[in-house]
């Protein structure tokens, strides 16, 4: 299992930006696809973005395409989520997740989870 710790959440006005970071330890980070999910109050957790081990393949939820960018630095065992043009509906707890393989980018393949970081977007 990967151990994952998120950081970078906070309060931002609509239209603003935040960058989330996720530091990984445990099994080999560079051998796994990584992703971000989010859960808003009263809603189920939903997929946001995923990135293959090499960084060459990505997958995004339609709701964040063109606004969010996922990236990784394998030398630092860290994955990032750059969030631009934030909207109030982006308010949620954001979770970093590790997949069970290097190129598995669909939500069902993620089985390692961080504790989450709160993102609040005010209108």
C-alpha atoms as a PDB file:
ATOM      1  CA  UNK A   1       0.000   0.000   0.000  1.00  0.00           C
ATOM      2  CA  UNK A   2       1.000   3.555  -0.659  1.00  0.00           C
ATOM      3  CA  UNK A   3       0.830   6.046   2.199  1.00  0.00           C
ATOM      4  CA  UNK A   4      -0.502   9.340   0.892  1.00  0.00           C
ATOM      5  CA  UNK A   5      -0.609  12.774   2.520  1.00  0.00           C
ATOM      6  CA  UNK A   6      -2.401  15.675   0.856  1.00  0.00           C
ATOM      7  CA  UNK A   7      -1.765  19.368   1.388  1.00  0.00           C
ATOM      8  CA  UNK A   8      -2.597  22.695  -0.209  1.00  0.00           C
ATOM      9  CA  UNK A   9      -6.305  22.962   0.433  1.00  0.00           C
ATOM     10  CA  UNK A  10      -7.922  26.127   1.709  1.00  0.00           C
ATOM     11  CA  UNK A  11     -10.444  28.865   1.109  1.00  0.00           C
ATOM     12  CA  UNK A  12     -10.437  30.696  -2.213  1.00  0.00           C
ATOM     13  CA  UNK A  13     -12.813  32.994  -4.050  1.00  0.00           C
ATOM     14  CA  UNK A  14     -14.581  31.885  -7.194  1.00  0.00           C
ATOM     15  CA  UNK A  15     -12.297  32.311 -10.190  1.00  0.00           C
ATOM     16  CA  UNK A  16      -9.207  31.741  -8.096  1.00  0.00           C
ATOM     17  CA  UNK A  17      -6.621  28.982  -8.121  1.00  0.00           C
ATOM     18  CA  UNK A  18      -5.171  26.416  -5.760  1.00  0.00           C
ATOM     19  CA  UNK A  19      -2.539  23.724  -6.139  1.00  0.00           C
ATOM     20  CA  UNK A  20      -2.924  20.527  -4.172  1.00  0.00           C
ATOM     21  CA  UNK A  21       0.039  18.289  -3.434  1.00  0.00           C
ATOM     22  CA  UNK A  22       0.170  14.649  -2.419  1.00  0.00           C
ATOM     23  CA  UNK A  23       3.327  13.153  -0.942  1.00  0.00           C
ATOM     24  CA  UNK A  24       3.631   9.382  -1.269  1.00  0.00           C
ATOM     25  CA  UNK A  25       5.632   6.773   0.605  1.00  0.00           C
ATOM     26  CA  UNK A  26       5.593   2.998   0.806  1.00  0.00           C
ATOM     27  CA  UNK A  27       5.578   0.913  -2.355  1.00  0.00           C
ATOM     28  CA  UNK A  28       7.251   2.272  -5.461  1.00  0.00           C
ATOM     29  CA  UNK A  29       5.451   5.478  -6.338  1.00  0.00           C
ATOM     30  CA  UNK A  30       6.705   5.652  -9.899  1.00  0.00           C
ATOM     31  CA  UNK A  31       5.151   2.275 -10.699  1.00  0.00           C
ATOM     32  CA  UNK A  32       1.588   3.411 -10.074  1.00  0.00           C
ATOM     33  CA  UNK A  33      -0.971   5.583 -11.759  1.00  0.00           C
ATOM     34  CA  UNK A  34      -2.171   8.314  -9.423  1.00  0.00           C
ATOM     35  CA  UNK A  35      -5.384  10.248  -9.162  1.00  0.00           C
ATOM     36  CA  UNK A  36      -7.540  12.742  -7.345  1.00  0.00           C
ATOM     37  CA  UNK A  37     -11.101  12.304  -6.146  1.00  0.00           C
ATOM     38  CA  UNK A  38     -13.412  14.618  -4.221  1.00  0.00           C
ATOM     39  CA  UNK A  39     -16.417  14.373  -1.942  1.00  0.00           C
ATOM     40  CA  UNK A  40     -18.819  17.220  -1.292  1.00  0.00           C
ATOM     41  CA  UNK A  41     -21.121  17.268   1.749  1.00  0.00           C
ATOM     42  CA  UNK A  42     -24.035  14.909   1.275  1.00  0.00           C
ATOM     43  CA  UNK A  43     -22.642  13.513  -1.966  1.00  0.00           C
ATOM     44  CA  UNK A  44     -20.730  10.431  -2.975  1.00  0.00           C
ATOM     45  CA  UNK A  45     -17.041  10.560  -3.687  1.00  0.00           C
ATOM     46  CA  UNK A  46     -16.392  11.330  -7.349  1.00  0.00           C
ATOM     47  CA  UNK A  47     -13.474  10.980  -9.699  1.00  0.00           C
ATOM     48  CA  UNK A  48     -11.594  14.162 -10.656  1.00  0.00           C
ATOM     49  CA  UNK A  49      -8.409  13.268 -12.540  1.00  0.00           C
ATOM     50  CA  UNK A  50      -5.831  10.526 -13.053  1.00  0.00           C
ATOM     51  CA  UNK A  51      -2.333  10.248 -14.471  1.00  0.00           C
ATOM     52  CA  UNK A  52      -0.290   7.260 -15.614  1.00  0.00           C
ATOM     53  CA  UNK A  53       3.078   6.395 -14.084  1.00  0.00           C
ATOM     54  CA  UNK A  54       4.935   8.180 -16.879  1.00  0.00           C
ATOM     55  CA  UNK A  55       2.689  11.220 -16.891  1.00  0.00           C
ATOM     56  CA  UNK A  56       1.936  10.695 -20.565  1.00  0.00           C
ATOM     57  CA  UNK A  57      -1.689   9.570 -20.185  1.00  0.00           C
ATOM     58  CA  UNK A  58      -4.391  11.460 -18.320  1.00  0.00           C
ATOM     59  CA  UNK A  59      -8.075  11.159 -17.607  1.00  0.00           C
ATOM     60  CA  UNK A  60     -10.313  13.978 -16.363  1.00  0.00           C
ATOM     61  CA  UNK A  61     -13.900  14.301 -15.243  1.00  0.00           C
ATOM     62  CA  UNK A  62     -15.906  16.412 -17.673  1.00  0.00           C
ATOM     63  CA  UNK A  63     -16.660  18.905 -14.910  1.00  0.00           C
ATOM     64  CA  UNK A  64     -12.983  19.872 -14.528  1.00  0.00           C
ATOM     65  CA  UNK A  65     -11.619  19.532 -18.055  1.00  0.00           C
ATOM     66  CA  UNK A  66      -9.828  22.677 -19.143  1.00  0.00           C
ATOM     67  CA  UNK A  67      -9.623  24.002 -15.573  1.00  0.00           C
ATOM     68  CA  UNK A  68      -7.674  21.357 -13.607  1.00  0.00           C
ATOM     69  CA  UNK A  69      -4.324  19.821 -14.450  1.00  0.00           C
ATOM     70  CA  UNK A  70      -2.839  16.737 -12.821  1.00  0.00           C
ATOM     71  CA  UNK A  71       0.921  16.236 -12.828  1.00  0.00           C
ATOM     72  CA  UNK A  72       3.582  14.280 -10.989  1.00  0.00           C
ATOM     73  CA  UNK A  73       7.236  14.408 -10.034  1.00  0.00           C
ATOM     74  CA  UNK A  74       8.477  10.845  -9.598  1.00  0.00           C
ATOM     75  CA  UNK A  75      11.807  12.041  -8.189  1.00  0.00           C
ATOM     76  CA  UNK A  76       9.897  13.698  -5.332  1.00  0.00           C
ATOM     77  CA  UNK A  77       7.221  10.998  -4.973  1.00  0.00           C
ATOM     78  CA  UNK A  78       4.612  13.727  -5.346  1.00  0.00           C
ATOM     79  CA  UNK A  79       1.494  14.234  -7.420  1.00  0.00           C
ATOM     80  CA  UNK A  80      -0.154  17.616  -7.924  1.00  0.00           C
ATOM     81  CA  UNK A  81      -3.542  18.988  -8.881  1.00  0.00           C
ATOM     82  CA  UNK A  82      -3.500  22.522 -10.261  1.00  0.00           C
ATOM     83  CA  UNK A  83      -7.001  23.954 -10.021  1.00  0.00           C
ATOM     84  CA  UNK A  84      -7.828  27.136 -11.933  1.00  0.00           C
ATOM     85  CA  UNK A  85     -11.062  29.039 -12.497  1.00  0.00           C
ATOM     86  CA  UNK A  86     -12.491  27.514  -9.354  1.00  0.00           C
ATOM     87  CA  UNK A  87     -16.258  27.455  -8.871  1.00  0.00           C
ATOM     88  CA  UNK A  88     -18.347  27.116  -5.707  1.00  0.00           C
ATOM     89  CA  UNK A  89     -19.390  23.657  -6.889  1.00  0.00           C
ATOM     90  CA  UNK A  90     -15.741  22.576  -6.651  1.00  0.00           C
ATOM     91  CA  UNK A  91     -16.049  22.821  -2.855  1.00  0.00           C
ATOM     92  CA  UNK A  92     -15.243  19.394  -1.415  1.00  0.00           C
ATOM     93  CA  UNK A  93     -12.720  17.302   0.431  1.00  0.00           C
ATOM     94  CA  UNK A  94     -10.103  16.281  -2.118  1.00  0.00           C
ATOM     95  CA  UNK A  95      -8.448  12.889  -1.844  1.00  0.00           C
ATOM     96  CA  UNK A  96      -5.270  11.663  -3.421  1.00  0.00           C
ATOM     97  CA  UNK A  97      -5.371   8.050  -4.583  1.00  0.00           C
ATOM     98  CA  UNK A  98      -3.019   5.406  -5.913  1.00  0.00           C
ATOM     99  CA  UNK A  99      -4.010   2.842  -8.516  1.00  0.00           C
ATOM    100  CA  UNK A 100      -3.209  -0.867  -8.614  1.00  0.00           C
ATOM    101  CA  UNK A 101      -1.068  -0.533 -11.718  1.00  0.00           C
ATOM    102  CA  UNK A 102       0.950   1.894 -13.833  1.00  0.00           C
ATOM    103  CA  UNK A 103      -1.653   2.805 -16.445  1.00  0.00           C
ATOM    104  CA  UNK A 104      -5.013   2.094 -14.799  1.00  0.00           C
ATOM    105  CA  UNK A 105      -6.835   5.413 -15.012  1.00  0.00           C
ATOM    106  CA  UNK A 106     -10.447   4.356 -14.400  1.00  0.00           C
ATOM    107  CA  UNK A 107     -11.855   5.004 -10.910  1.00  0.00           C
ATOM    108  CA  UNK A 108     -12.347   1.347  -9.969  1.00  0.00           C
ATOM    109  CA  UNK A 109      -8.586   0.699 -10.051  1.00  0.00           C
ATOM    110  CA  UNK A 110      -7.733   3.055  -7.182  1.00  0.00           C
ATOM    111  CA  UNK A 111      -7.137   1.349  -3.840  1.00  0.00           C
ATOM    112  CA  UNK A 112      -4.814   3.564  -1.771  1.00  0.00           C
ATOM    113  CA  UNK A 113      -6.199   6.744  -0.217  1.00  0.00           C
ATOM    114  CA  UNK A 114      -4.987   9.805   1.632  1.00  0.00           C
ATOM    115  CA  UNK A 115      -6.856  11.473   4.470  1.00  0.00           C
ATOM    116  CA  UNK A 116      -8.107  14.347   2.320  1.00  0.00           C
ATOM    117  CA  UNK A 117      -7.733  18.108   2.225  1.00  0.00           C
ATOM    118  CA  UNK A 118     -10.596  20.606   2.298  1.00  0.00           C
ATOM    119  CA  UNK A 119     -11.124  22.990  -0.597  1.00  0.00           C
ATOM    120  CA  UNK A 120     -13.745  25.695  -0.158  1.00  0.00           C
ATOM    121  CA  UNK A 121     -14.667  28.071  -2.968  1.00  0.00           C
ATOM    122  CA  UNK A 122     -16.701  31.119  -1.987  1.00  0.00           C
ATOM    123  CA  UNK A 123     -19.008  32.907  -4.393  1.00  0.00           C
END
